[in-house]
Amino acid sequence: MLVTLHLEKLQFFAYHGLYEEEKKLGNEFELNISASFFSTEPVITEIDQTINYAAIYELAKAEMLEPRELLETFLSQLAEKIKKQFPELVKLKMSLYKLQMPITGFRGRIGVEIEKEY
């Protein structure tokens, strides 16, 4: 069976951004992660039969501490680290949203999504 774990609306404060103002002031970010793997277990009853979402959260939290200019770079590098720790993954989908933009009059949010199949 295909199992997909979802970590949704994870909130972080970080210094990702292309513009000097973003690098100095930082920003609020929202991260969403969906990680899929095939389970051979008819019923999952143990943590070692699944992917530990707390471990994925810790990877994301650590990566947020390393500023990147582009959201695409952040997501690509996080995907590599998650896949390395959980080689059983067959699909990984992530989105990262910047919740405030340093653009006068801008209302909304900016985001990037990547999807990888292994």
PDB file of N, CA and C in Angstrom:
ATOM      1  N   MET A   1       0.841  -1.179   0.000  1.00  0.00           N
ATOM      2  CA  MET A   1       0.000   0.000   0.000  1.00  0.00           C
ATOM      3  C   MET A   1       0.882   1.237   0.000  1.00  0.00           C
ATOM      4  N   LEU A   2       0.423   2.277  -0.648  1.00  0.00           N
ATOM      5  CA  LEU A   2       1.123   3.551  -0.670  1.00  0.00           C
ATOM      6  C   LEU A   2       0.680   4.365   0.550  1.00  0.00           C
ATOM      7  N   VAL A   3       1.651   4.827   1.312  1.00  0.00           N
ATOM      8  CA  VAL A   3       1.387   5.637   2.502  1.00  0.00           C
ATOM      9  C   VAL A   3       1.980   7.021   2.264  1.00  0.00           C
ATOM     10  N   THR A   4       1.193   8.056   2.533  1.00  0.00           N
ATOM     11  CA  THR A   4       1.683   9.427   2.398  1.00  0.00           C
ATOM     12  C   THR A   4       1.510  10.156   3.719  1.00  0.00           C
ATOM     13  N   LEU A   5       2.608  10.707   4.204  1.00  0.00           N
ATOM     14  CA  LEU A   5       2.591  11.521   5.418  1.00  0.00           C
ATOM     15  C   LEU A   5       2.520  12.986   5.006  1.00  0.00           C
ATOM     16  N   HIS A   6       1.775  13.781   5.743  1.00  0.00           N
ATOM     17  CA  HIS A   6       1.648  15.203   5.450  1.00  0.00           C
ATOM     18  C   HIS A   6       2.076  16.022   6.666  1.00  0.00           C
ATOM     19  N   LEU A   7       2.961  16.952   6.448  1.00  0.00           N
ATOM     20  CA  LEU A   7       3.308  17.966   7.433  1.00  0.00           C
ATOM     21  C   LEU A   7       2.864  19.272   6.805  1.00  0.00           C
ATOM     22  N   GLU A   8       1.854  19.905   7.380  1.00  0.00           N
ATOM     23  CA  GLU A   8       1.240  21.051   6.726  1.00  0.00           C
ATOM     24  C   GLU A   8       1.293  22.307   7.582  1.00  0.00           C
ATOM     25  N   LYS A   9       1.478  23.417   6.893  1.00  0.00           N
ATOM     26  CA  LYS A   9       1.471  24.747   7.505  1.00  0.00           C
ATOM     27  C   LYS A   9       2.493  24.873   8.630  1.00  0.00           C
ATOM     28  N   LEU A  10       3.689  24.302   8.414  1.00  0.00           N
ATOM     29  CA  LEU A  10       4.769  24.471   9.372  1.00  0.00           C
ATOM     30  C   LEU A  10       5.245  25.918   9.294  1.00  0.00           C
ATOM     31  N   GLN A  11       5.325  26.583  10.410  1.00  0.00           N
ATOM     32  CA  GLN A  11       5.683  27.994  10.444  1.00  0.00           C
ATOM     33  C   GLN A  11       7.121  28.178  10.914  1.00  0.00           C
ATOM     34  N   PHE A  12       7.881  28.985  10.179  1.00  0.00           N
ATOM     35  CA  PHE A  12       9.265  29.272  10.518  1.00  0.00           C
ATOM     36  C   PHE A  12       9.558  30.745  10.257  1.00  0.00           C
ATOM     37  N   PHE A  13      10.493  31.281  11.016  1.00  0.00           N
ATOM     38  CA  PHE A  13      11.050  32.590  10.724  1.00  0.00           C
ATOM     39  C   PHE A  13      12.457  32.340  10.219  1.00  0.00           C
ATOM     40  N   ALA A  14      12.803  32.928   9.057  1.00  0.00           N
ATOM     41  CA  ALA A  14      14.111  32.663   8.454  1.00  0.00           C
ATOM     42  C   ALA A  14      14.534  33.856   7.600  1.00  0.00           C
ATOM     43  N   TYR A  15      15.743  33.747   7.075  1.00  0.00           N
ATOM     44  CA  TYR A  15      16.349  34.848   6.318  1.00  0.00           C
ATOM     45  C   TYR A  15      16.576  34.504   4.856  1.00  0.00           C
ATOM     46  N   HIS A  16      15.699  33.744   4.267  1.00  0.00           N
ATOM     47  CA  HIS A  16      15.790  33.423   2.847  1.00  0.00           C
ATOM     48  C   HIS A  16      15.324  34.619   2.025  1.00  0.00           C
ATOM     49  N   GLY A  17      16.029  34.890   0.943  1.00  0.00           N
ATOM     50  CA  GLY A  17      15.585  35.962   0.064  1.00  0.00           C
ATOM     51  C   GLY A  17      16.714  36.502  -0.782  1.00  0.00           C
ATOM     52  N   LEU A  18      16.330  37.067  -1.878  1.00  0.00           N
ATOM     53  CA  LEU A  18      17.270  37.624  -2.843  1.00  0.00           C
ATOM     54  C   LEU A  18      17.662  39.063  -2.493  1.00  0.00           C
ATOM     55  N   TYR A  19      16.760  39.775  -1.849  1.00  0.00           N
ATOM     56  CA  TYR A  19      16.958  41.195  -1.587  1.00  0.00           C
ATOM     57  C   TYR A  19      17.593  41.434  -0.221  1.00  0.00           C
ATOM     58  N   GLU A  20      18.420  42.485  -0.135  1.00  0.00           N
ATOM     59  CA  GLU A  20      19.147  42.800   1.103  1.00  0.00           C
ATOM     60  C   GLU A  20      18.200  42.967   2.290  1.00  0.00           C
ATOM     61  N   GLU A  21      17.065  43.600   2.054  1.00  0.00           N
ATOM     62  CA  GLU A  21      16.084  43.803   3.122  1.00  0.00           C
ATOM     63  C   GLU A  21      15.628  42.466   3.710  1.00  0.00           C
ATOM     64  N   GLU A  22      15.402  41.475   2.867  1.00  0.00           N
ATOM     65  CA  GLU A  22      14.982  40.151   3.334  1.00  0.00           C
ATOM     66  C   GLU A  22      16.096  39.477   4.134  1.00  0.00           C
ATOM     67  N   LYS A  23      17.329  39.667   3.683  1.00  0.00           N
ATOM     68  CA  LYS A  23      18.476  39.062   4.361  1.00  0.00           C
ATOM     69  C   LYS A  23      18.712  39.663   5.736  1.00  0.00           C
ATOM     70  N   LYS A  24      18.338  40.936   5.906  1.00  0.00           N
ATOM     71  CA  LYS A  24      18.526  41.622   7.187  1.00  0.00           C
ATOM     72  C   LYS A  24      17.349  41.408   8.138  1.00  0.00           C
ATOM     73  N   LEU A  25      16.141  41.579   7.596  1.00  0.00           N
ATOM     74  CA  LEU A  25      14.948  41.559   8.446  1.00  0.00           C
ATOM     75  C   LEU A  25      14.344  40.174   8.637  1.00  0.00           C
ATOM     76  N   GLY A  26      14.576  39.279   7.687  1.00  0.00           N
ATOM     77  CA  GLY A  26      13.968  37.961   7.763  1.00  0.00           C
ATOM     78  C   GLY A  26      12.504  37.998   7.354  1.00  0.00           C
ATOM     79  N   ASN A  27      11.860  36.836   7.451  1.00  0.00           N
ATOM     80  CA  ASN A  27      10.484  36.726   6.997  1.00  0.00           C
ATOM     81  C   ASN A  27       9.826  35.513   7.644  1.00  0.00           C
ATOM     82  N   GLU A  28       8.526  35.502   7.606  1.00  0.00           N
ATOM     83  CA  GLU A  28       7.756  34.336   8.038  1.00  0.00           C
ATOM     84  C   GLU A  28       7.549  33.435   6.829  1.00  0.00           C
ATOM     85  N   PHE A  29       7.724  32.124   7.031  1.00  0.00           N
ATOM     86  CA  PHE A  29       7.572  31.145   5.968  1.00  0.00           C
ATOM     87  C   PHE A  29       6.609  30.051   6.403  1.00  0.00           C
ATOM     88  N   GLU A  30       5.922  29.485   5.409  1.00  0.00           N
ATOM     89  CA  GLU A  30       5.046  28.334   5.641  1.00  0.00           C
ATOM     90  C   GLU A  30       5.530  27.205   4.746  1.00  0.00           C
ATOM     91  N   LEU A  31       5.804  26.055   5.354  1.00  0.00           N
ATOM     92  CA  LEU A  31       6.327  24.895   4.639  1.00  0.00           C
ATOM     93  C   LEU A  31       5.323  23.753   4.719  1.00  0.00           C
ATOM     94  N   ASN A  32       5.089  23.109   3.575  1.00  0.00           N
ATOM     95  CA  ASN A  32       4.225  21.926   3.499  1.00  0.00           C
ATOM     96  C   ASN A  32       5.023  20.792   2.874  1.00  0.00           C
ATOM     97  N   ILE A  33       4.931  19.609   3.475  1.00  0.00           N
ATOM     98  CA  ILE A  33       5.683  18.452   2.988  1.00  0.00           C
ATOM     99  C   ILE A  33       4.746  17.253   2.922  1.00  0.00           C
ATOM    100  N   SER A  34       4.755  16.553   1.790  1.00  0.00           N
ATOM    101  CA  SER A  34       4.068  15.266   1.645  1.00  0.00           C
ATOM    102  C   SER A  34       5.119  14.253   1.215  1.00  0.00           C
ATOM    103  N   ALA A  35       5.245  13.176   1.980  1.00  0.00           N
ATOM    104  CA  ALA A  35       6.258  12.153   1.721  1.00  0.00           C
ATOM    105  C   ALA A  35       5.566  10.802   1.590  1.00  0.00           C
ATOM    106  N   SER A  36       5.803  10.110   0.465  1.00  0.00           N
ATOM    107  CA  SER A  36       5.121   8.832   0.186  1.00  0.00           C
ATOM    108  C   SER A  36       6.104   7.685   0.083  1.00  0.00           C
ATOM    109  N   PHE A  37       5.665   6.535   0.585  1.00  0.00           N
ATOM    110  CA  PHE A  37       6.451   5.303   0.500  1.00  0.00           C
ATOM    111  C   PHE A  37       5.490   4.119   0.407  1.00  0.00           C
ATOM    112  N   PHE A  38       6.015   3.008  -0.073  1.00  0.00           N
ATOM    113  CA  PHE A  38       5.215   1.786  -0.125  1.00  0.00           C
ATOM    114  C   PHE A  38       5.472   0.963   1.128  1.00  0.00           C
ATOM    115  N   SER A  39       4.403   0.530   1.754  1.00  0.00           N
ATOM    116  CA  SER A  39       4.499  -0.332   2.924  1.00  0.00           C
ATOM    117  C   SER A  39       4.093  -1.746   2.536  1.00  0.00           C
ATOM    118  N   THR A  40       4.860  -2.711   3.014  1.00  0.00           N
ATOM    119  CA  THR A  40       4.506  -4.114   2.794  1.00  0.00           C
ATOM    120  C   THR A  40       3.709  -4.672   3.967  1.00  0.00           C
ATOM    121  N   GLU A  41       3.544  -3.841   4.985  1.00  0.00           N
ATOM    122  CA  GLU A  41       2.797  -4.262   6.179  1.00  0.00           C
ATOM    123  C   GLU A  41       1.294  -4.113   5.936  1.00  0.00           C
ATOM    124  N   PRO A  42       0.515  -5.144   6.276  1.00  0.00           N
ATOM    125  CA  PRO A  42      -0.942  -4.999   6.126  1.00  0.00           C
ATOM    126  C   PRO A  42      -1.513  -3.958   7.094  1.00  0.00           C
ATOM    127  N   VAL A  43      -0.890  -3.858   8.280  1.00  0.00           N
ATOM    128  CA  VAL A  43      -1.276  -2.869   9.280  1.00  0.00           C
ATOM    129  C   VAL A  43       0.015  -2.308   9.881  1.00  0.00           C
ATOM    130  N   ILE A  44       0.162  -1.015   9.857  1.00  0.00           N
ATOM    131  CA  ILE A  44       1.358  -0.388  10.431  1.00  0.00           C
ATOM    132  C   ILE A  44       1.113  -0.190  11.924  1.00  0.00           C
ATOM    133  N   THR A  45       1.971  -0.821  12.722  1.00  0.00           N
ATOM    134  CA  THR A  45       1.810  -0.740  14.179  1.00  0.00           C
ATOM    135  C   THR A  45       3.056  -0.243  14.895  1.00  0.00           C
ATOM    136  N   GLU A  46       4.175  -0.118  14.188  1.00  0.00           N
ATOM    137  CA  GLU A  46       5.441   0.287  14.804  1.00  0.00           C
ATOM    138  C   GLU A  46       6.032   1.461  14.027  1.00  0.00           C
ATOM    139  N   ILE A  47       6.767   2.329  14.720  1.00  0.00           N
ATOM    140  CA  ILE A  47       7.370   3.492  14.080  1.00  0.00           C
ATOM    141  C   ILE A  47       8.379   3.086  13.012  1.00  0.00           C
ATOM    142  N   ASP A  48       9.045   1.946  13.186  1.00  0.00           N
ATOM    143  CA  ASP A  48      10.040   1.535  12.181  1.00  0.00           C
ATOM    144  C   ASP A  48       9.394   0.961  10.917  1.00  0.00           C
ATOM    145  N   GLN A  49       8.078   0.899  10.869  1.00  0.00           N
ATOM    146  CA  GLN A  49       7.354   0.465   9.678  1.00  0.00           C
ATOM    147  C   GLN A  49       6.866   1.656   8.847  1.00  0.00           C
ATOM    148  N   THR A  50       7.192   2.847   9.317  1.00  0.00           N
ATOM    149  CA  THR A  50       6.735   4.055   8.645  1.00  0.00           C
ATOM    150  C   THR A  50       7.875   5.066   8.604  1.00  0.00           C
ATOM    151  N   ILE A  51       7.589   6.251   8.172  1.00  0.00           N
ATOM    152  CA  ILE A  51       8.560   7.339   8.181  1.00  0.00           C
ATOM    153  C   ILE A  51       8.217   8.254   9.343  1.00  0.00           C
ATOM    154  N   ASN A  52       9.220   8.569  10.128  1.00  0.00           N
ATOM    155  CA  ASN A  52       9.022   9.390  11.314  1.00  0.00           C
ATOM    156  C   ASN A  52       8.875  10.857  10.909  1.00  0.00           C
ATOM    157  N   TYR A  53       7.671  11.388  11.027  1.00  0.00           N
ATOM    158  CA  TYR A  53       7.438  12.773  10.620  1.00  0.00           C
ATOM    159  C   TYR A  53       8.172  13.758  11.522  1.00  0.00           C
ATOM    160  N   ALA A  54       8.452  13.371  12.768  1.00  0.00           N
ATOM    161  CA  ALA A  54       9.220  14.248  13.658  1.00  0.00           C
ATOM    162  C   ALA A  54      10.642  14.424  13.126  1.00  0.00           C
ATOM    163  N   ALA A  55      11.212  13.380  12.550  1.00  0.00           N
ATOM    164  CA  ALA A  55      12.560  13.461  11.966  1.00  0.00           C
ATOM    165  C   ALA A  55      12.553  14.363  10.737  1.00  0.00           C
ATOM    166  N   ILE A  56      11.506  14.300   9.924  1.00  0.00           N
ATOM    167  CA  ILE A  56      11.394  15.187   8.764  1.00  0.00           C
ATOM    168  C   ILE A  56      11.284  16.639   9.239  1.00  0.00           C
ATOM    169  N   TYR A  57      10.498  16.858  10.278  1.00  0.00           N
ATOM    170  CA  TYR A  57      10.364  18.215  10.826  1.00  0.00           C
ATOM    171  C   TYR A  57      11.714  18.746  11.299  1.00  0.00           C
ATOM    172  N   GLU A  58      12.486  17.914  11.990  1.00  0.00           N
ATOM    173  CA  GLU A  58      13.796  18.343  12.480  1.00  0.00           C
ATOM    174  C   GLU A  58      14.744  18.686  11.335  1.00  0.00           C
ATOM    175  N   LEU A  59      14.695  17.920  10.250  1.00  0.00           N
ATOM    176  CA  LEU A  59      15.505  18.246   9.067  1.00  0.00           C
ATOM    177  C   LEU A  59      15.106  19.613   8.505  1.00  0.00           C
ATOM    178  N   ALA A  60      13.811  19.841   8.375  1.00  0.00           N
ATOM    179  CA  ALA A  60      13.313  21.115   7.845  1.00  0.00           C
ATOM    180  C   ALA A  60      13.709  22.269   8.759  1.00  0.00           C
ATOM    181  N   LYS A  61      13.563  22.077  10.044  1.00  0.00           N
ATOM    182  CA  LYS A  61      13.903  23.109  11.030  1.00  0.00           C
ATOM    183  C   LYS A  61      15.385  23.477  10.929  1.00  0.00           C
ATOM    184  N   ALA A  62      16.253  22.489  10.827  1.00  0.00           N
ATOM    185  CA  ALA A  62      17.689  22.736  10.703  1.00  0.00           C
ATOM    186  C   ALA A  62      18.026  23.455   9.402  1.00  0.00           C
ATOM    187  N   GLU A  63      17.379  23.064   8.300  1.00  0.00           N
ATOM    188  CA  GLU A  63      17.644  23.687   7.007  1.00  0.00           C
ATOM    189  C   GLU A  63      17.176  25.144   6.976  1.00  0.00           C
ATOM    190  N   MET A  64      16.129  25.465   7.714  1.00  0.00           N
ATOM    191  CA  MET A  64      15.631  26.840   7.764  1.00  0.00           C
ATOM    192  C   MET A  64      16.668  27.793   8.339  1.00  0.00           C
ATOM    193  N   LEU A  65      17.591  27.282   9.125  1.00  0.00           N
ATOM    194  CA  LEU A  65      18.626  28.118   9.733  1.00  0.00           C
ATOM    195  C   LEU A  65      19.702  28.545   8.749  1.00  0.00           C
ATOM    196  N   GLU A  66      19.732  27.924   7.571  1.00  0.00           N
ATOM    197  CA  GLU A  66      20.730  28.237   6.550  1.00  0.00           C
ATOM    198  C   GLU A  66      20.076  29.058   5.433  1.00  0.00           C
ATOM    199  N   PRO A  67      20.318  30.365   5.415  1.00  0.00           N
ATOM    200  CA  PRO A  67      19.675  31.225   4.409  1.00  0.00           C
ATOM    201  C   PRO A  67      20.034  30.849   2.969  1.00  0.00           C
ATOM    202  N   ARG A  68      19.050  30.914   2.105  1.00  0.00           N
ATOM    203  CA  ARG A  68      19.215  30.742   0.661  1.00  0.00           C
ATOM    204  C   ARG A  68      18.589  31.949  -0.017  1.00  0.00           C
ATOM    205  N   GLU A  69      19.105  32.289  -1.181  1.00  0.00           N
ATOM    206  CA  GLU A  69      18.505  33.397  -1.927  1.00  0.00           C
ATOM    207  C   GLU A  69      17.191  32.980  -2.567  1.00  0.00           C
ATOM    208  N   LEU A  70      17.095  31.722  -3.012  1.00  0.00           N
ATOM    209  CA  LEU A  70      15.905  31.258  -3.727  1.00  0.00           C
ATOM    210  C   LEU A  70      15.175  30.165  -2.953  1.00  0.00           C
ATOM    211  N   LEU A  71      13.849  30.229  -2.986  1.00  0.00           N
ATOM    212  CA  LEU A  71      13.038  29.185  -2.356  1.00  0.00           C
ATOM    213  C   LEU A  71      13.248  27.848  -3.049  1.00  0.00           C
ATOM    214  N   GLU A  72      13.478  27.889  -4.368  1.00  0.00           N
ATOM    215  CA  GLU A  72      13.727  26.675  -5.140  1.00  0.00           C
ATOM    216  C   GLU A  72      14.969  25.947  -4.626  1.00  0.00           C
ATOM    217  N   THR A  73      16.005  26.717  -4.289  1.00  0.00           N
ATOM    218  CA  THR A  73      17.240  26.131  -3.751  1.00  0.00           C
ATOM    219  C   THR A  73      16.960  25.449  -2.425  1.00  0.00           C
ATOM    220  N   PHE A  74      16.242  26.135  -1.555  1.00  0.00           N
ATOM    221  CA  PHE A  74      15.905  25.564  -0.250  1.00  0.00           C
ATOM    222  C   PHE A  74      15.178  24.230  -0.416  1.00  0.00           C
ATOM    223  N   LEU A  75      14.129  24.222  -1.239  1.00  0.00           N
ATOM    224  CA  LEU A  75      13.331  23.001  -1.392  1.00  0.00           C
ATOM    225  C   LEU A  75      14.143  21.863  -2.017  1.00  0.00           C
ATOM    226  N   SER A  76      14.950  22.163  -3.012  1.00  0.00           N
ATOM    227  CA  SER A  76      15.762  21.127  -3.652  1.00  0.00           C
ATOM    228  C   SER A  76      16.752  20.509  -2.678  1.00  0.00           C
ATOM    229  N   GLN A  77      17.401  21.347  -1.878  1.00  0.00           N
ATOM    230  CA  GLN A  77      18.383  20.840  -0.920  1.00  0.00           C
ATOM    231  C   GLN A  77      17.710  20.084   0.225  1.00  0.00           C
ATOM    232  N   LEU A  78      16.561  20.567   0.677  1.00  0.00           N
ATOM    233  CA  LEU A  78      15.825  19.834   1.714  1.00  0.00           C
ATOM    234  C   LEU A  78      15.369  18.479   1.186  1.00  0.00           C
ATOM    235  N   ALA A  79      14.908  18.432  -0.055  1.00  0.00           N
ATOM    236  CA  ALA A  79      14.479  17.162  -0.656  1.00  0.00           C
ATOM    237  C   ALA A  79      15.620  16.153  -0.665  1.00  0.00           C
ATOM    238  N   GLU A  80      16.824  16.595  -1.013  1.00  0.00           N
ATOM    239  CA  GLU A  80      17.983  15.697  -1.018  1.00  0.00           C
ATOM    240  C   GLU A  80      18.259  15.133   0.368  1.00  0.00           C
ATOM    241  N   LYS A  81      18.157  15.966   1.382  1.00  0.00           N
ATOM    242  CA  LYS A  81      18.441  15.508   2.752  1.00  0.00           C
ATOM    243  C   LYS A  81      17.365  14.548   3.259  1.00  0.00           C
ATOM    244  N   ILE A  82      16.107  14.828   2.930  1.00  0.00           N
ATOM    245  CA  ILE A  82      15.027  13.934   3.351  1.00  0.00           C
ATOM    246  C   ILE A  82      15.180  12.581   2.669  1.00  0.00           C
ATOM    247  N   LYS A  83      15.447  12.583   1.363  1.00  0.00           N
ATOM    248  CA  LYS A  83      15.610  11.328   0.622  1.00  0.00           C
ATOM    249  C   LYS A  83      16.803  10.529   1.138  1.00  0.00           C
ATOM    250  N   LYS A  84      17.877  11.216   1.490  1.00  0.00           N
ATOM    251  CA  LYS A  84      19.060  10.521   2.017  1.00  0.00           C
ATOM    252  C   LYS A  84      18.738   9.820   3.334  1.00  0.00           C
ATOM    253  N   GLN A  85      17.967  10.478   4.199  1.00  0.00           N
ATOM    254  CA  GLN A  85      17.614   9.881   5.489  1.00  0.00           C
ATOM    255  C   GLN A  85      16.533   8.808   5.348  1.00  0.00           C
ATOM    256  N   PHE A  86      15.683   8.948   4.347  1.00  0.00           N
ATOM    257  CA  PHE A  86      14.581   8.008   4.143  1.00  0.00           C
ATOM    258  C   PHE A  86      14.605   7.495   2.698  1.00  0.00           C
ATOM    259  N   PRO A  87      15.531   6.592   2.384  1.00  0.00           N
ATOM    260  CA  PRO A  87      15.671   6.114   1.009  1.00  0.00           C
ATOM    261  C   PRO A  87      14.438   5.371   0.488  1.00  0.00           C
ATOM    262  N   GLU A  88      13.567   4.938   1.371  1.00  0.00           N
ATOM    263  CA  GLU A  88      12.359   4.225   0.950  1.00  0.00           C
ATOM    264  C   GLU A  88      11.314   5.146   0.317  1.00  0.00           C
ATOM    265  N   LEU A  89      11.517   6.452   0.370  1.00  0.00           N
ATOM    266  CA  LEU A  89      10.571   7.380  -0.255  1.00  0.00           C
ATOM    267  C   LEU A  89      10.456   7.126  -1.745  1.00  0.00           C
ATOM    268  N   VAL A  90       9.236   7.194  -2.257  1.00  0.00           N
ATOM    269  CA  VAL A  90       9.002   7.072  -3.696  1.00  0.00           C
ATOM    270  C   VAL A  90       8.497   8.387  -4.288  1.00  0.00           C
ATOM    271  N   LYS A  91       8.024   9.284  -3.416  1.00  0.00           N
ATOM    272  CA  LYS A  91       7.527  10.579  -3.885  1.00  0.00           C
ATOM    273  C   LYS A  91       7.647  11.590  -2.757  1.00  0.00           C
ATOM    274  N   LEU A  92       8.038  12.786  -3.132  1.00  0.00           N
ATOM    275  CA  LEU A  92       8.160  13.873  -2.173  1.00  0.00           C
ATOM    276  C   LEU A  92       7.621  15.133  -2.824  1.00  0.00           C
ATOM    277  N   LYS A  93       6.687  15.770  -2.166  1.00  0.00           N
ATOM    278  CA  LYS A  93       6.091  17.005  -2.679  1.00  0.00           C
ATOM    279  C   LYS A  93       6.184  18.043  -1.567  1.00  0.00           C
ATOM    280  N   MET A  94       6.721  19.209  -1.912  1.00  0.00           N
ATOM    281  CA  MET A  94       6.885  20.252  -0.904  1.00  0.00           C
ATOM    282  C   MET A  94       6.557  21.614  -1.491  1.00  0.00           C
ATOM    283  N   SER A  95       6.044  22.483  -0.652  1.00  0.00           N
ATOM    284  CA  SER A  95       5.828  23.873  -1.040  1.00  0.00           C
ATOM    285  C   SER A  95       6.317  24.769   0.089  1.00  0.00           C
ATOM    286  N   LEU A  96       6.853  25.907  -0.307  1.00  0.00           N
ATOM    287  CA  LEU A  96       7.349  26.889   0.655  1.00  0.00           C
ATOM    288  C   LEU A  96       6.795  28.247   0.266  1.00  0.00           C
ATOM    289  N   TYR A  97       6.160  28.906   1.226  1.00  0.00           N
ATOM    290  CA  TYR A  97       5.551  30.211   0.982  1.00  0.00           C
ATOM    291  C   TYR A  97       6.221  31.278   1.834  1.00  0.00           C
ATOM    292  N   LYS A  98       6.488  32.394   1.209  1.00  0.00           N
ATOM    293  CA  LYS A  98       6.980  33.584   1.900  1.00  0.00           C
ATOM    294  C   LYS A  98       5.737  34.396   2.226  1.00  0.00           C
ATOM    295  N   LEU A  99       5.511  34.685   3.494  1.00  0.00           N
ATOM    296  CA  LEU A  99       4.240  35.269   3.895  1.00  0.00           C
ATOM    297  C   LEU A  99       4.203  36.791   3.824  1.00  0.00           C
ATOM    298  N   GLN A 100       5.365  37.440   3.685  1.00  0.00           N
ATOM    299  CA  GLN A 100       5.408  38.890   3.521  1.00  0.00           C
ATOM    300  C   GLN A 100       6.418  39.211   2.444  1.00  0.00           C
ATOM    301  N   MET A 101       6.068  40.112   1.565  1.00  0.00           N
ATOM    302  CA  MET A 101       6.959  40.482   0.465  1.00  0.00           C
ATOM    303  C   MET A 101       7.431  41.919   0.631  1.00  0.00           C
ATOM    304  N   PRO A 102       8.704  42.177   0.333  1.00  0.00           N
ATOM    305  CA  PRO A 102       9.205  43.553   0.417  1.00  0.00           C
ATOM    306  C   PRO A 102       8.868  44.350  -0.843  1.00  0.00           C
ATOM    307  N   ILE A 103       7.609  44.287  -1.258  1.00  0.00           N
ATOM    308  CA  ILE A 103       7.145  44.993  -2.451  1.00  0.00           C
ATOM    309  C   ILE A 103       6.002  45.914  -2.011  1.00  0.00           C
ATOM    310  N   THR A 104       6.162  47.190  -2.220  1.00  0.00           N
ATOM    311  CA  THR A 104       5.156  48.164  -1.813  1.00  0.00           C
ATOM    312  C   THR A 104       3.793  47.816  -2.400  1.00  0.00           C
ATOM    313  N   GLY A 105       2.799  47.736  -1.533  1.00  0.00           N
ATOM    314  CA  GLY A 105       1.436  47.473  -1.961  1.00  0.00           C
ATOM    315  C   GLY A 105       1.113  46.013  -2.231  1.00  0.00           C
ATOM    316  N   PHE A 106       2.091  45.122  -2.082  1.00  0.00           N
ATOM    317  CA  PHE A 106       1.841  43.704  -2.369  1.00  0.00           C
ATOM    318  C   PHE A 106       0.996  43.096  -1.264  1.00  0.00           C
ATOM    319  N   ARG A 107      -0.036  42.368  -1.661  1.00  0.00           N
ATOM    320  CA  ARG A 107      -0.890  41.651  -0.710  1.00  0.00           C
ATOM    321  C   ARG A 107      -0.996  40.220  -1.189  1.00  0.00           C
ATOM    322  N   GLY A 108      -0.781  39.273  -0.308  1.00  0.00           N
ATOM    323  CA  GLY A 108      -0.832  37.868  -0.663  1.00  0.00           C
ATOM    324  C   GLY A 108       0.410  37.162  -0.168  1.00  0.00           C
ATOM    325  N   ARG A 109       0.770  36.111  -0.847  1.00  0.00           N
ATOM    326  CA  ARG A 109       1.968  35.373  -0.486  1.00  0.00           C
ATOM    327  C   ARG A 109       2.596  34.831  -1.757  1.00  0.00           C
ATOM    328  N   ILE A 110       3.879  34.543  -1.670  1.00  0.00           N
ATOM    329  CA  ILE A 110       4.638  34.013  -2.793  1.00  0.00           C
ATOM    330  C   ILE A 110       5.070  32.603  -2.422  1.00  0.00           C
ATOM    331  N   GLY A 111       5.006  31.678  -3.348  1.00  0.00           N
ATOM    332  CA  GLY A 111       5.398  30.318  -3.020  1.00  0.00           C
ATOM    333  C   GLY A 111       5.982  29.560  -4.198  1.00  0.00           C
ATOM    334  N   VAL A 112       6.668  28.485  -3.839  1.00  0.00           N
ATOM    335  CA  VAL A 112       7.266  27.572  -4.816  1.00  0.00           C
ATOM    336  C   VAL A 112       6.908  26.160  -4.378  1.00  0.00           C
ATOM    337  N   GLU A 113       6.633  25.305  -5.360  1.00  0.00           N
ATOM    338  CA  GLU A 113       6.349  23.895  -5.073  1.00  0.00           C
ATOM    339  C   GLU A 113       7.240  23.021  -5.945  1.00  0.00           C
ATOM    340  N   ILE A 114       7.755  21.968  -5.336  1.00  0.00           N
ATOM    341  CA  ILE A 114       8.491  20.968  -6.123  1.00  0.00           C
ATOM    342  C   ILE A 114       7.869  19.602  -5.850  1.00  0.00           C
ATOM    343  N   GLU A 115       8.016  18.720  -6.807  1.00  0.00           N
ATOM    344  CA  GLU A 115       7.530  17.345  -6.666  1.00  0.00           C
ATOM    345  C   GLU A 115       8.571  16.440  -7.295  1.00  0.00           C
ATOM    346  N   LYS A 116       8.993  15.444  -6.520  1.00  0.00           N
ATOM    347  CA  LYS A 116       9.996  14.496  -7.013  1.00  0.00           C
ATOM    348  C   LYS A 116       9.456  13.086  -6.864  1.00  0.00           C
ATOM    349  N   GLU A 117       9.655  12.292  -7.903  1.00  0.00           N
ATOM    350  CA  GLU A 117       9.327  10.860  -7.834  1.00  0.00           C
ATOM    351  C   GLU A 117      10.610  10.090  -7.984  1.00  0.00           C
ATOM    352  N   TYR A 118      10.775   9.084  -7.143  1.00  0.00           N
ATOM    353  CA  TYR A 118      12.014   8.295  -7.124  1.00  0.00           C
ATOM    354  C   TYR A 118      11.756   6.871  -7.602  1.00  0.00           C
TER     355      TYR A 118
END
